[in-house]
Amino acid sequence: MTNESQNSEPMSAGPLFVVGMWRSGTSLLYALLNQHPQIGLMYESDLPLLSSLFLLPRKSSWWLNKVDSWNGALTRHKIDSAAIPENISDLPGAFRAVGQQYAKKKGATVWGCKSPSYYDCMTELASWFPQAKFIVIWRDPADVCRSIVRAAEKSPWFARPGMDLRALLGYRRMKKEADELVRRGVAIHQLQYDDLVREPGAALTAICDFIGVPFDPRMASLEGADRSAVYNGDHHSMVKSSSIVANRERPEVLSPELKSKVERYVVFWRKQSGGSWPVKAAVSDGTNPASWFERTTDRVRHGTLRSFDQIVPFLYSFVPVSVWQRYRQVKSRYQRIAAKPSGSEAV
């Protein structure tokens, strides 16, 4: 008998979104949440980023093919495309159909998705899904940048120019989105990464209370966790391990300039918030807040970077899948050549 046939509980009315800045522990939280038999979240399906696929009404078979070609979401989650109704032509309906099918496969009732890419569109997601719930995880922005620098050594995606600025100003944008959800009365639970890794049982018990499911002790451990939908790559080695690793002493990887910039922004944000936010962020004594000039120039550069990030999925919506796949092959080949150590062709 399958898990799906064993479960007669109805699906949750709205999705559960797990959001955080890149390298903030969202993958760890995803793996722990999915240890619960009633929770079945997708891993970075990022379907909501492809809203332009639904500008014109098309059959489901068309957008399903495009979605899977984008990041392999359907393949990674073993979604049965044939079981998706053919007449779905809107993004909320598409996300619901895919997300609920994935949850049903394990007999879960709580469906949804975790992705850092939702950090600047949570209010839009709440408009599409009025009964959605959000879990937002926060981490010291300096530690976020440190983790990005380390990940860039193993992942070309994190090695892109401007990733540090994307994360730093994205951190503030995520705060604005979270505050707006609170103002609207949307169901949102916020936690700190440090609390999750130091006391996972307590952090996950609070999350279960928020979701409305009983705490399951398996959630406090990575033992036996299903991480089959997580992308391959050495930068995911921690979440694919068997134990939760709390903060450890590691060599400093931030340049003095970047470390100082992060601290200046933290001081500025704390001044703005009356000292209440960011909650856990180390700052050197005597650090001045980010100046108007620095914030303005960074905002312009960040806007340019984000415009590029957003135009790519828009253009993708109008590019034939075969052309996109060819582009990905060429790009992957170029990245492998660029990453090859000098002199590796000798002997």
C-alpha atoms as a PDB file:
ATOM      1  CA  MET A   1       0.000   0.000   0.000  1.00  0.00           C
ATOM      2  CA  THR A   2       1.454   3.414  -0.960  1.00  0.00           C
ATOM      3  CA  ASN A   3       1.831   6.383   1.346  1.00  0.00           C
ATOM      4  CA  GLU A   4      -0.724   8.231  -0.756  1.00  0.00           C
ATOM      5  CA  SER A   5      -3.350   5.573  -0.295  1.00  0.00           C
ATOM      6  CA  GLN A   6      -2.718   5.431   3.427  1.00  0.00           C
ATOM      7  CA  ASN A   7      -3.358   9.136   3.878  1.00  0.00           C
ATOM      8  CA  SER A   8      -6.940  10.370   3.820  1.00  0.00           C
ATOM      9  CA  GLU A   9      -6.164  13.810   5.243  1.00  0.00           C
ATOM     10  CA  PRO A  10      -6.974  16.755   2.939  1.00  0.00           C
ATOM     11  CA  MET A  11      -4.204  18.883   1.487  1.00  0.00           C
ATOM     12  CA  SER A  12      -3.415  22.148   3.250  1.00  0.00           C
ATOM     13  CA  ALA A  13      -5.443  25.023   1.824  1.00  0.00           C
ATOM     14  CA  GLY A  14      -2.352  26.994   0.846  1.00  0.00           C
ATOM     15  CA  PRO A  15       1.312  26.250   0.227  1.00  0.00           C
ATOM     16  CA  LEU A  16       4.166  26.553   2.705  1.00  0.00           C
ATOM     17  CA  PHE A  17       7.096  28.634   1.466  1.00  0.00           C
ATOM     18  CA  VAL A  18      10.536  28.391   3.080  1.00  0.00           C
ATOM     19  CA  VAL A  19      12.574  31.484   2.247  1.00  0.00           C
ATOM     20  CA  GLY A  20      15.963  32.874   3.173  1.00  0.00           C
ATOM     21  CA  MET A  21      18.905  34.555   1.570  1.00  0.00           C
ATOM     22  CA  TRP A  22      21.327  32.283  -0.284  1.00  0.00           C
ATOM     23  CA  ARG A  23      23.572  30.264   2.037  1.00  0.00           C
ATOM     24  CA  SER A  24      21.332  30.960   5.025  1.00  0.00           C
ATOM     25  CA  GLY A  25      20.389  27.387   5.877  1.00  0.00           C
ATOM     26  CA  THR A  26      17.277  27.037   3.727  1.00  0.00           C
ATOM     27  CA  SER A  27      18.480  23.693   2.326  1.00  0.00           C
ATOM     28  CA  LEU A  28      19.139  22.368   5.818  1.00  0.00           C
ATOM     29  CA  LEU A  29      15.717  23.527   6.998  1.00  0.00           C
ATOM     30  CA  TYR A  30      14.089  21.970   3.923  1.00  0.00           C
ATOM     31  CA  ALA A  31      15.722  18.585   4.594  1.00  0.00           C
ATOM     32  CA  LEU A  32      14.687  18.624   8.260  1.00  0.00           C
ATOM     33  CA  LEU A  33      11.105  19.701   7.525  1.00  0.00           C
ATOM     34  CA  ASN A  34      10.685  16.964   4.933  1.00  0.00           C
ATOM     35  CA  GLN A  35      11.631  14.392   7.564  1.00  0.00           C
ATOM     36  CA  HIS A  36       8.078  14.920   8.851  1.00  0.00           C
ATOM     37  CA  PRO A  37       5.642  12.452   7.244  1.00  0.00           C
ATOM     38  CA  GLN A  38       3.018  15.183   6.795  1.00  0.00           C
ATOM     39  CA  ILE A  39       5.338  17.688   5.066  1.00  0.00           C
ATOM     40  CA  GLY A  40       6.324  17.376   1.411  1.00  0.00           C
ATOM     41  CA  LEU A  41       8.095  20.485   0.130  1.00  0.00           C
ATOM     42  CA  MET A  42       9.725  20.842  -3.262  1.00  0.00           C
ATOM     43  CA  TYR A  43      13.331  21.949  -3.511  1.00  0.00           C
ATOM     44  CA  GLU A  44      13.777  25.142  -5.535  1.00  0.00           C
ATOM     45  CA  SER A  45      11.174  24.399  -8.165  1.00  0.00           C
ATOM     46  CA  ASP A  46      11.294  28.173  -8.811  1.00  0.00           C
ATOM     47  CA  LEU A  47       8.150  27.882 -10.917  1.00  0.00           C
ATOM     48  CA  PRO A  48       6.852  31.260  -9.633  1.00  0.00           C
ATOM     49  CA  LEU A  49       9.867  32.921 -11.292  1.00  0.00           C
ATOM     50  CA  LEU A  50       8.564  31.782 -14.678  1.00  0.00           C
ATOM     51  CA  SER A  51       5.325  33.754 -14.618  1.00  0.00           C
ATOM     52  CA  SER A  52       5.934  34.936 -18.182  1.00  0.00           C
ATOM     53  CA  LEU A  53       5.281  31.352 -19.342  1.00  0.00           C
ATOM     54  CA  PHE A  54       1.634  31.999 -18.559  1.00  0.00           C
ATOM     55  CA  LEU A  55       1.182  35.326 -20.345  1.00  0.00           C
ATOM     56  CA  LEU A  56      -0.663  33.458 -23.087  1.00  0.00           C
ATOM     57  CA  PRO A  57      -3.025  30.546 -22.393  1.00  0.00           C
ATOM     58  CA  ARG A  58      -1.338  27.297 -23.396  1.00  0.00           C
ATOM     59  CA  LYS A  59      -1.835  23.638 -22.590  1.00  0.00           C
ATOM     60  CA  SER A  60      -0.080  22.145 -19.593  1.00  0.00           C
ATOM     61  CA  SER A  61       2.165  19.953 -21.727  1.00  0.00           C
ATOM     62  CA  TRP A  62       3.803  23.107 -23.127  1.00  0.00           C
ATOM     63  CA  TRP A  63       4.706  24.788 -19.834  1.00  0.00           C
ATOM     64  CA  LEU A  64       5.614  21.493 -18.157  1.00  0.00           C
ATOM     65  CA  ASN A  65       8.305  20.959 -20.783  1.00  0.00           C
ATOM     66  CA  LYS A  66       9.592  24.513 -20.350  1.00  0.00           C
ATOM     67  CA  VAL A  67       9.635  24.298 -16.551  1.00  0.00           C
ATOM     68  CA  ASP A  68      11.652  21.104 -16.565  1.00  0.00           C
ATOM     69  CA  SER A  69      14.109  22.459 -19.093  1.00  0.00           C
ATOM     70  CA  TRP A  70      14.694  25.504 -16.873  1.00  0.00           C
ATOM     71  CA  ASN A  71      16.119  23.707 -13.828  1.00  0.00           C
ATOM     72  CA  GLY A  72      15.020  20.085 -13.980  1.00  0.00           C
ATOM     73  CA  ALA A  73      12.375  20.641 -11.301  1.00  0.00           C
ATOM     74  CA  LEU A  74       9.972  18.000 -12.592  1.00  0.00           C
ATOM     75  CA  THR A  75      12.709  15.424 -13.137  1.00  0.00           C
ATOM     76  CA  ARG A  76      14.306  16.085  -9.747  1.00  0.00           C
ATOM     77  CA  HIS A  77      10.960  15.629  -7.988  1.00  0.00           C
ATOM     78  CA  LYS A  78       9.846  12.717 -10.193  1.00  0.00           C
ATOM     79  CA  ILE A  79       6.664  14.546 -11.194  1.00  0.00           C
ATOM     80  CA  ASP A  80       4.356  12.578 -13.468  1.00  0.00           C
ATOM     81  CA  SER A  81       3.570  15.127 -16.172  1.00  0.00           C
ATOM     82  CA  ALA A  82       0.845  12.897 -17.592  1.00  0.00           C
ATOM     83  CA  ALA A  83      -1.068  13.203 -14.315  1.00  0.00           C
ATOM     84  CA  ILE A  84      -1.186  17.025 -14.500  1.00  0.00           C
ATOM     85  CA  PRO A  85      -4.522  18.209 -15.976  1.00  0.00           C
ATOM     86  CA  GLU A  86      -4.024  19.466 -19.525  1.00  0.00           C
ATOM     87  CA  ASN A  87      -6.140  22.612 -19.104  1.00  0.00           C
ATOM     88  CA  ILE A  88      -4.037  24.464 -16.480  1.00  0.00           C
ATOM     89  CA  SER A  89      -2.952  27.795 -17.973  1.00  0.00           C
ATOM     90  CA  ASP A  90      -2.267  29.996 -14.924  1.00  0.00           C
ATOM     91  CA  LEU A  91       0.782  30.045 -12.667  1.00  0.00           C
ATOM     92  CA  PRO A  92      -0.979  29.538  -9.291  1.00  0.00           C
ATOM     93  CA  GLY A  93      -2.841  26.553 -10.730  1.00  0.00           C
ATOM     94  CA  ALA A  94       0.354  25.117 -12.184  1.00  0.00           C
ATOM     95  CA  PHE A  95       2.261  25.515  -8.935  1.00  0.00           C
ATOM     96  CA  ARG A  96      -0.579  23.958  -6.959  1.00  0.00           C
ATOM     97  CA  ALA A  97      -0.854  20.962  -9.304  1.00  0.00           C
ATOM     98  CA  VAL A  98       2.880  20.217  -9.263  1.00  0.00           C
ATOM     99  CA  GLY A  99       3.380  20.913  -5.556  1.00  0.00           C
ATOM    100  CA  GLN A 100       0.434  18.829  -4.435  1.00  0.00           C
ATOM    101  CA  GLN A 101       1.393  15.903  -6.638  1.00  0.00           C
ATOM    102  CA  TYR A 102       4.850  15.848  -5.048  1.00  0.00           C
ATOM    103  CA  ALA A 103       3.420  15.984  -1.518  1.00  0.00           C
ATOM    104  CA  LYS A 104       0.860  13.270  -2.262  1.00  0.00           C
ATOM    105  CA  LYS A 105       3.589  10.872  -3.354  1.00  0.00           C
ATOM    106  CA  LYS A 106       4.859  10.661   0.223  1.00  0.00           C
ATOM    107  CA  GLY A 107       1.392  10.872   1.740  1.00  0.00           C
ATOM    108  CA  ALA A 108       1.995  14.412   3.001  1.00  0.00           C
ATOM    109  CA  THR A 109      -0.673  17.054   3.497  1.00  0.00           C
ATOM    110  CA  VAL A 110       1.560  20.138   3.735  1.00  0.00           C
ATOM    111  CA  TRP A 111       2.801  21.131   0.275  1.00  0.00           C
ATOM    112  CA  GLY A 112       4.906  23.983  -1.000  1.00  0.00           C
ATOM    113  CA  CYS A 113       8.472  24.856  -1.864  1.00  0.00           C
ATOM    114  CA  LYS A 114      11.692  26.163  -0.425  1.00  0.00           C
ATOM    115  CA  SER A 115      13.784  28.619  -2.418  1.00  0.00           C
ATOM    116  CA  PRO A 116      16.002  31.632  -1.711  1.00  0.00           C
ATOM    117  CA  SER A 117      14.759  33.027  -5.026  1.00  0.00           C
ATOM    118  CA  TYR A 118      11.452  33.973  -3.376  1.00  0.00           C
ATOM    119  CA  TYR A 119      13.091  36.537  -1.088  1.00  0.00           C
ATOM    120  CA  ASP A 120      11.874  39.543  -3.086  1.00  0.00           C
ATOM    121  CA  CYS A 121       8.447  38.256  -4.193  1.00  0.00           C
ATOM    122  CA  MET A 122       6.851  36.969  -0.986  1.00  0.00           C
ATOM    123  CA  THR A 123       4.081  39.555  -1.105  1.00  0.00           C
ATOM    124  CA  GLU A 124       3.275  38.504  -4.671  1.00  0.00           C
ATOM    125  CA  LEU A 125       3.175  34.859  -3.608  1.00  0.00           C
ATOM    126  CA  ALA A 126       0.820  35.823  -0.784  1.00  0.00           C
ATOM    127  CA  SER A 127      -1.441  37.552  -3.320  1.00  0.00           C
ATOM    128  CA  TRP A 128      -1.558  34.418  -5.459  1.00  0.00           C
ATOM    129  CA  PHE A 129      -2.093  32.192  -2.434  1.00  0.00           C
ATOM    130  CA  PRO A 130      -4.007  34.068   0.309  1.00  0.00           C
ATOM    131  CA  GLN A 131      -3.815  31.028   2.613  1.00  0.00           C
ATOM    132  CA  ALA A 132      -0.078  30.503   2.174  1.00  0.00           C
ATOM    133  CA  LYS A 133       2.294  30.274   5.128  1.00  0.00           C
ATOM    134  CA  PHE A 134       5.868  31.541   5.119  1.00  0.00           C
ATOM    135  CA  ILE A 135       8.938  30.487   7.088  1.00  0.00           C
ATOM    136  CA  VAL A 136      11.794  32.978   6.828  1.00  0.00           C
ATOM    137  CA  ILE A 137      15.253  32.088   8.120  1.00  0.00           C
ATOM    138  CA  TRP A 138      17.823  34.766   8.967  1.00  0.00           C
ATOM    139  CA  ARG A 139      21.595  34.530   9.229  1.00  0.00           C
ATOM    140  CA  ASP A 140      24.310  37.054  10.025  1.00  0.00           C
ATOM    141  CA  PRO A 141      24.811  38.819   6.651  1.00  0.00           C
ATOM    142  CA  ALA A 142      28.593  38.566   7.056  1.00  0.00           C
ATOM    143  CA  ASP A 143      28.257  34.783   7.440  1.00  0.00           C
ATOM    144  CA  VAL A 144      26.022  34.715   4.370  1.00  0.00           C
ATOM    145  CA  CYS A 145      28.744  36.461   2.376  1.00  0.00           C
ATOM    146  CA  ARG A 146      31.416  34.155   3.813  1.00  0.00           C
ATOM    147  CA  SER A 147      29.440  31.119   2.734  1.00  0.00           C
ATOM    148  CA  ILE A 148      28.932  32.595  -0.737  1.00  0.00           C
ATOM    149  CA  VAL A 149      32.688  33.156  -1.099  1.00  0.00           C
ATOM    150  CA  ARG A 150      33.368  29.544  -0.100  1.00  0.00           C
ATOM    151  CA  ALA A 151      30.636  28.227  -2.395  1.00  0.00           C
ATOM    152  CA  ALA A 152      32.085  30.242  -5.297  1.00  0.00           C
ATOM    153  CA  GLU A 153      35.154  27.998  -5.181  1.00  0.00           C
ATOM    154  CA  LYS A 154      32.956  25.030  -6.114  1.00  0.00           C
ATOM    155  CA  SER A 155      29.963  26.516  -7.935  1.00  0.00           C
ATOM    156  CA  PRO A 156      30.095  28.811 -11.005  1.00  0.00           C
ATOM    157  CA  TRP A 157      26.665  30.171 -10.058  1.00  0.00           C
ATOM    158  CA  PHE A 158      28.016  31.660  -6.837  1.00  0.00           C
ATOM    159  CA  ALA A 159      31.158  32.842  -8.620  1.00  0.00           C
ATOM    160  CA  ARG A 160      29.148  35.309 -10.709  1.00  0.00           C
ATOM    161  CA  PRO A 161      30.189  38.960 -10.327  1.00  0.00           C
ATOM    162  CA  GLY A 162      28.158  40.856  -7.759  1.00  0.00           C
ATOM    163  CA  MET A 163      26.855  37.903  -5.743  1.00  0.00           C
ATOM    164  CA  ASP A 164      27.985  39.568  -2.511  1.00  0.00           C
ATOM    165  CA  LEU A 165      26.022  42.730  -3.329  1.00  0.00           C
ATOM    166  CA  ARG A 166      23.000  40.722  -4.433  1.00  0.00           C
ATOM    167  CA  ALA A 167      23.000  39.004  -1.053  1.00  0.00           C
ATOM    168  CA  LEU A 168      23.681  42.109   1.033  1.00  0.00           C
ATOM    169  CA  LEU A 169      20.982  44.326  -0.459  1.00  0.00           C
ATOM    170  CA  GLY A 170      18.724  41.323  -0.983  1.00  0.00           C
ATOM    171  CA  TYR A 171      18.906  40.774   2.775  1.00  0.00           C
ATOM    172  CA  ARG A 172      17.290  44.169   3.324  1.00  0.00           C
ATOM    173  CA  ARG A 173      14.697  43.580   0.596  1.00  0.00           C
ATOM    174  CA  MET A 174      13.720  40.316   2.265  1.00  0.00           C
ATOM    175  CA  LYS A 175      13.188  42.219   5.517  1.00  0.00           C
ATOM    176  CA  LYS A 176      10.839  44.658   3.772  1.00  0.00           C
ATOM    177  CA  GLU A 177       8.900  41.768   2.253  1.00  0.00           C
ATOM    178  CA  ALA A 178       8.642  39.996   5.618  1.00  0.00           C
ATOM    179  CA  ASP A 179       7.496  43.197   7.347  1.00  0.00           C
ATOM    180  CA  GLU A 180       4.809  43.681   4.697  1.00  0.00           C
ATOM    181  CA  LEU A 181       3.543  40.143   5.242  1.00  0.00           C
ATOM    182  CA  VAL A 182       3.287  40.868   8.956  1.00  0.00           C
ATOM    183  CA  ARG A 183       1.447  44.116   8.233  1.00  0.00           C
ATOM    184  CA  ARG A 184      -1.044  42.272   6.018  1.00  0.00           C
ATOM    185  CA  GLY A 185      -1.653  39.607   8.637  1.00  0.00           C
ATOM    186  CA  VAL A 186      -0.164  36.822   6.506  1.00  0.00           C
ATOM    187  CA  ALA A 187       0.953  33.722   8.422  1.00  0.00           C
ATOM    188  CA  ILE A 188       4.730  34.051   8.810  1.00  0.00           C
ATOM    189  CA  HIS A 189       7.254  32.438  11.155  1.00  0.00           C
ATOM    190  CA  GLN A 190      10.784  33.814  11.424  1.00  0.00           C
ATOM    191  CA  LEU A 191      13.824  32.133  12.945  1.00  0.00           C
ATOM    192  CA  GLN A 192      17.587  32.501  13.218  1.00  0.00           C
ATOM    193  CA  TYR A 193      20.004  30.087  11.556  1.00  0.00           C
ATOM    194  CA  ASP A 194      22.129  29.906  14.708  1.00  0.00           C
ATOM    195  CA  ASP A 195      19.120  28.755  16.734  1.00  0.00           C
ATOM    196  CA  LEU A 196      18.316  26.068  14.167  1.00  0.00           C
ATOM    197  CA  VAL A 197      21.776  24.475  14.174  1.00  0.00           C
ATOM    198  CA  ARG A 198      22.299  24.753  17.943  1.00  0.00           C
ATOM    199  CA  GLU A 199      18.865  23.594  19.090  1.00  0.00           C
ATOM    200  CA  PRO A 200      17.118  22.010  16.104  1.00  0.00           C
ATOM    201  CA  GLY A 201      14.509  20.277  18.257  1.00  0.00           C
ATOM    202  CA  ALA A 202      13.300  23.520  19.827  1.00  0.00           C
ATOM    203  CA  ALA A 203      13.376  25.422  16.526  1.00  0.00           C
ATOM    204  CA  LEU A 204      11.441  22.724  14.673  1.00  0.00           C
ATOM    205  CA  THR A 205       8.919  22.277  17.482  1.00  0.00           C
ATOM    206  CA  ALA A 206       8.077  25.973  17.138  1.00  0.00           C
ATOM    207  CA  ILE A 207       7.753  25.556  13.372  1.00  0.00           C
ATOM    208  CA  CYS A 208       5.431  22.573  13.775  1.00  0.00           C
ATOM    209  CA  ASP A 209       3.224  24.623  16.096  1.00  0.00           C
ATOM    210  CA  PHE A 210       3.138  27.322  13.413  1.00  0.00           C
ATOM    211  CA  ILE A 211       2.274  24.867  10.631  1.00  0.00           C
ATOM    212  CA  GLY A 212      -0.252  22.982  12.749  1.00  0.00           C
ATOM    213  CA  VAL A 213       1.322  19.519  12.785  1.00  0.00           C
ATOM    214  CA  PRO A 214       2.739  17.561  15.741  1.00  0.00           C
ATOM    215  CA  PHE A 215       6.510  17.575  16.139  1.00  0.00           C
ATOM    216  CA  ASP A 216       8.228  14.432  14.890  1.00  0.00           C
ATOM    217  CA  PRO A 217      11.607  13.612  16.548  1.00  0.00           C
ATOM    218  CA  ARG A 218      13.055  12.589  13.177  1.00  0.00           C
ATOM    219  CA  MET A 219      13.019  16.258  12.195  1.00  0.00           C
ATOM    220  CA  ALA A 220      15.913  17.053  14.538  1.00  0.00           C
ATOM    221  CA  SER A 221      18.321  14.878  12.545  1.00  0.00           C
ATOM    222  CA  LEU A 222      19.534  14.481   8.959  1.00  0.00           C
ATOM    223  CA  GLU A 223      19.749  10.718   9.344  1.00  0.00           C
ATOM    224  CA  GLY A 224      17.737   9.148   6.541  1.00  0.00           C
ATOM    225  CA  ALA A 225      16.661  12.499   5.068  1.00  0.00           C
ATOM    226  CA  ASP A 226      15.606  12.467   1.420  1.00  0.00           C
ATOM    227  CA  ARG A 227      17.809  14.889  -0.489  1.00  0.00           C
ATOM    228  CA  SER A 228      17.260  13.403  -3.929  1.00  0.00           C
ATOM    229  CA  ALA A 229      15.834  16.685  -5.289  1.00  0.00           C
ATOM    230  CA  VAL A 230      18.847  18.728  -4.124  1.00  0.00           C
ATOM    231  CA  TYR A 231      21.212  19.778  -6.892  1.00  0.00           C
ATOM    232  CA  ASN A 232      24.521  17.977  -7.211  1.00  0.00           C
ATOM    233  CA  GLY A 233      27.580  19.975  -6.190  1.00  0.00           C
ATOM    234  CA  ASP A 234      30.211  20.135  -3.480  1.00  0.00           C
ATOM    235  CA  HIS A 235      28.662  23.329  -2.108  1.00  0.00           C
ATOM    236  CA  HIS A 236      25.735  21.165  -0.907  1.00  0.00           C
ATOM    237  CA  SER A 237      27.963  18.718   0.961  1.00  0.00           C
ATOM    238  CA  MET A 238      26.829  19.919   4.396  1.00  0.00           C
ATOM    239  CA  VAL A 239      23.112  19.385   3.785  1.00  0.00           C
ATOM    240  CA  LYS A 240      23.868  15.993   2.251  1.00  0.00           C
ATOM    241  CA  SER A 241      25.802  14.884   5.311  1.00  0.00           C
ATOM    242  CA  SER A 242      24.332  12.842   8.153  1.00  0.00           C
ATOM    243  CA  SER A 243      24.734  15.403  10.944  1.00  0.00           C
ATOM    244  CA  ILE A 244      23.854  19.015  11.659  1.00  0.00           C
ATOM    245  CA  VAL A 245      27.025  21.038  12.081  1.00  0.00           C
ATOM    246  CA  ALA A 246      26.845  24.135  14.261  1.00  0.00           C
ATOM    247  CA  ASN A 247      29.094  27.099  13.590  1.00  0.00           C
ATOM    248  CA  ARG A 248      32.751  26.159  13.605  1.00  0.00           C
ATOM    249  CA  GLU A 249      35.992  28.076  13.538  1.00  0.00           C
ATOM    250  CA  ARG A 250      37.100  28.600   9.952  1.00  0.00           C
ATOM    251  CA  PRO A 251      39.647  30.887   8.281  1.00  0.00           C
ATOM    252  CA  GLU A 252      38.349  34.326   7.334  1.00  0.00           C
ATOM    253  CA  VAL A 253      37.520  34.455   3.624  1.00  0.00           C
ATOM    254  CA  LEU A 254      36.020  37.937   3.404  1.00  0.00           C
ATOM    255  CA  SER A 255      38.276  40.655   2.126  1.00  0.00           C
ATOM    256  CA  PRO A 256      38.735  43.547   4.588  1.00  0.00           C
ATOM    257  CA  GLU A 257      36.785  45.759   2.176  1.00  0.00           C
ATOM    258  CA  LEU A 258      33.769  43.455   1.969  1.00  0.00           C
ATOM    259  CA  LYS A 259      33.767  42.753   5.699  1.00  0.00           C
ATOM    260  CA  SER A 260      33.807  46.481   6.393  1.00  0.00           C
ATOM    261  CA  LYS A 261      30.998  47.126   3.895  1.00  0.00           C
ATOM    262  CA  VAL A 262      28.749  44.494   5.496  1.00  0.00           C
ATOM    263  CA  GLU A 263      29.373  45.981   8.943  1.00  0.00           C
ATOM    264  CA  ARG A 264      28.601  49.505   7.721  1.00  0.00           C
ATOM    265  CA  TYR A 265      25.255  48.311   6.387  1.00  0.00           C
ATOM    266  CA  VAL A 266      24.469  46.479   9.625  1.00  0.00           C
ATOM    267  CA  VAL A 267      25.165  49.660  11.582  1.00  0.00           C
ATOM    268  CA  PHE A 268      22.972  51.659   9.191  1.00  0.00           C
ATOM    269  CA  TRP A 269      20.096  49.157   9.402  1.00  0.00           C
ATOM    270  CA  ARG A 270      20.279  49.078  13.181  1.00  0.00           C
ATOM    271  CA  LYS A 271      20.168  52.846  13.250  1.00  0.00           C
ATOM    272  CA  GLN A 272      17.084  52.740  11.025  1.00  0.00           C
ATOM    273  CA  SER A 273      15.349  50.112  13.158  1.00  0.00           C
ATOM    274  CA  GLY A 274      16.229  51.557  16.547  1.00  0.00           C
ATOM    275  CA  GLY A 275      18.693  48.733  17.167  1.00  0.00           C
ATOM    276  CA  SER A 276      16.205  45.896  16.640  1.00  0.00           C
ATOM    277  CA  TRP A 277      17.482  44.511  13.311  1.00  0.00           C
ATOM    278  CA  PRO A 278      19.539  42.624  12.205  1.00  0.00           C
ATOM    279  CA  VAL A 279      19.202  40.498  15.326  1.00  0.00           C
ATOM    280  CA  LYS A 280      22.464  38.551  15.247  1.00  0.00           C
ATOM    281  CA  ALA A 281      25.263  40.303  13.394  1.00  0.00           C
ATOM    282  CA  ALA A 282      28.775  40.991  14.652  1.00  0.00           C
ATOM    283  CA  VAL A 283      30.095  44.527  14.157  1.00  0.00           C
ATOM    284  CA  SER A 284      33.491  45.985  15.010  1.00  0.00           C
ATOM    285  CA  ASP A 285      33.570  48.834  17.513  1.00  0.00           C
ATOM    286  CA  GLY A 286      33.615  52.286  15.971  1.00  0.00           C
ATOM    287  CA  THR A 287      32.065  51.236  12.643  1.00  0.00           C
ATOM    288  CA  ASN A 288      30.273  54.075  10.882  1.00  0.00           C
ATOM    289  CA  PRO A 289      26.986  53.502   9.051  1.00  0.00           C
ATOM    290  CA  ALA A 290      26.950  53.179   5.273  1.00  0.00           C
ATOM    291  CA  SER A 291      26.938  56.653   3.753  1.00  0.00           C
ATOM    292  CA  TRP A 292      24.289  58.043   1.434  1.00  0.00           C
ATOM    293  CA  PHE A 293      26.746  57.917  -1.471  1.00  0.00           C
ATOM    294  CA  GLU A 294      27.674  54.275  -0.820  1.00  0.00           C
ATOM    295  CA  ARG A 295      24.049  53.230  -0.489  1.00  0.00           C
ATOM    296  CA  THR A 296      23.057  55.088  -3.668  1.00  0.00           C
ATOM    297  CA  THR A 297      25.836  53.663  -5.839  1.00  0.00           C
ATOM    298  CA  ASP A 298      25.251  50.165  -4.450  1.00  0.00           C
ATOM    299  CA  ARG A 299      21.528  50.474  -5.095  1.00  0.00           C
ATOM    300  CA  VAL A 300      22.152  51.411  -8.740  1.00  0.00           C
ATOM    301  CA  ARG A 301      24.555  48.520  -9.249  1.00  0.00           C
ATOM    302  CA  HIS A 302      22.235  46.116  -7.451  1.00  0.00           C
ATOM    303  CA  GLY A 303      19.318  47.242  -9.603  1.00  0.00           C
ATOM    304  CA  THR A 304      21.338  46.505 -12.728  1.00  0.00           C
ATOM    305  CA  LEU A 305      22.258  43.038 -11.496  1.00  0.00           C
ATOM    306  CA  ARG A 306      18.691  42.212 -10.518  1.00  0.00           C
ATOM    307  CA  SER A 307      17.345  43.496 -13.839  1.00  0.00           C
ATOM    308  CA  PHE A 308      19.611  41.004 -15.580  1.00  0.00           C
ATOM    309  CA  ASP A 309      18.508  38.219 -13.220  1.00  0.00           C
ATOM    310  CA  GLN A 310      14.870  38.935 -13.970  1.00  0.00           C
ATOM    311  CA  ILE A 311      15.153  39.368 -17.728  1.00  0.00           C
ATOM    312  CA  VAL A 312      16.745  35.934 -18.189  1.00  0.00           C
ATOM    313  CA  PRO A 313      13.625  33.924 -17.207  1.00  0.00           C
ATOM    314  CA  PHE A 314      11.471  36.364 -19.167  1.00  0.00           C
ATOM    315  CA  LEU A 315      13.476  35.828 -22.354  1.00  0.00           C
ATOM    316  CA  TYR A 316      13.614  32.099 -21.662  1.00  0.00           C
ATOM    317  CA  SER A 317       9.830  31.973 -21.912  1.00  0.00           C
ATOM    318  CA  PHE A 318      10.068  32.826 -25.610  1.00  0.00           C
ATOM    319  CA  VAL A 319      13.123  30.733 -26.534  1.00  0.00           C
ATOM    320  CA  PRO A 320      12.614  27.224 -27.952  1.00  0.00           C
ATOM    321  CA  VAL A 321      13.665  24.492 -25.544  1.00  0.00           C
ATOM    322  CA  SER A 322      16.193  23.132 -28.030  1.00  0.00           C
ATOM    323  CA  VAL A 323      17.944  26.512 -28.240  1.00  0.00           C
ATOM    324  CA  TRP A 324      18.024  26.809 -24.448  1.00  0.00           C
ATOM    325  CA  GLN A 325      19.471  23.323 -24.040  1.00  0.00           C
ATOM    326  CA  ARG A 326      22.179  24.090 -26.575  1.00  0.00           C
ATOM    327  CA  TYR A 327      23.015  27.303 -24.724  1.00  0.00           C
ATOM    328  CA  ARG A 328      23.290  25.402 -21.444  1.00  0.00           C
ATOM    329  CA  GLN A 329      25.630  22.860 -23.022  1.00  0.00           C
ATOM    330  CA  VAL A 330      27.935  25.567 -24.382  1.00  0.00           C
ATOM    331  CA  LYS A 331      27.866  27.454 -21.091  1.00  0.00           C
ATOM    332  CA  SER A 332      28.663  24.308 -19.093  1.00  0.00           C
ATOM    333  CA  ARG A 333      31.571  23.498 -21.407  1.00  0.00           C
ATOM    334  CA  TYR A 334      32.949  27.012 -21.035  1.00  0.00           C
ATOM    335  CA  GLN A 335      32.691  26.865 -17.246  1.00  0.00           C
ATOM    336  CA  ARG A 336      34.567  23.554 -17.141  1.00  0.00           C
ATOM    337  CA  ILE A 337      37.355  25.009 -19.264  1.00  0.00           C
ATOM    338  CA  ALA A 338      37.522  28.163 -17.124  1.00  0.00           C
ATOM    339  CA  ALA A 339      37.692  26.085 -13.932  1.00  0.00           C
ATOM    340  CA  LYS A 340      40.469  23.800 -15.202  1.00  0.00           C
ATOM    341  CA  PRO A 341      43.758  24.511 -13.326  1.00  0.00           C
ATOM    342  CA  SER A 342      46.537  25.941 -15.462  1.00  0.00           C
ATOM    343  CA  GLY A 343      48.979  23.313 -16.593  1.00  0.00           C
ATOM    344  CA  SER A 344      46.481  20.474 -16.140  1.00  0.00           C
ATOM    345  CA  GLU A 345      46.959  19.459 -19.763  1.00  0.00           C
ATOM    346  CA  ALA A 346      50.630  18.616 -19.182  1.00  0.00           C
ATOM    347  CA  VAL A 347      51.650  14.953 -19.149  1.00  0.00           C
END
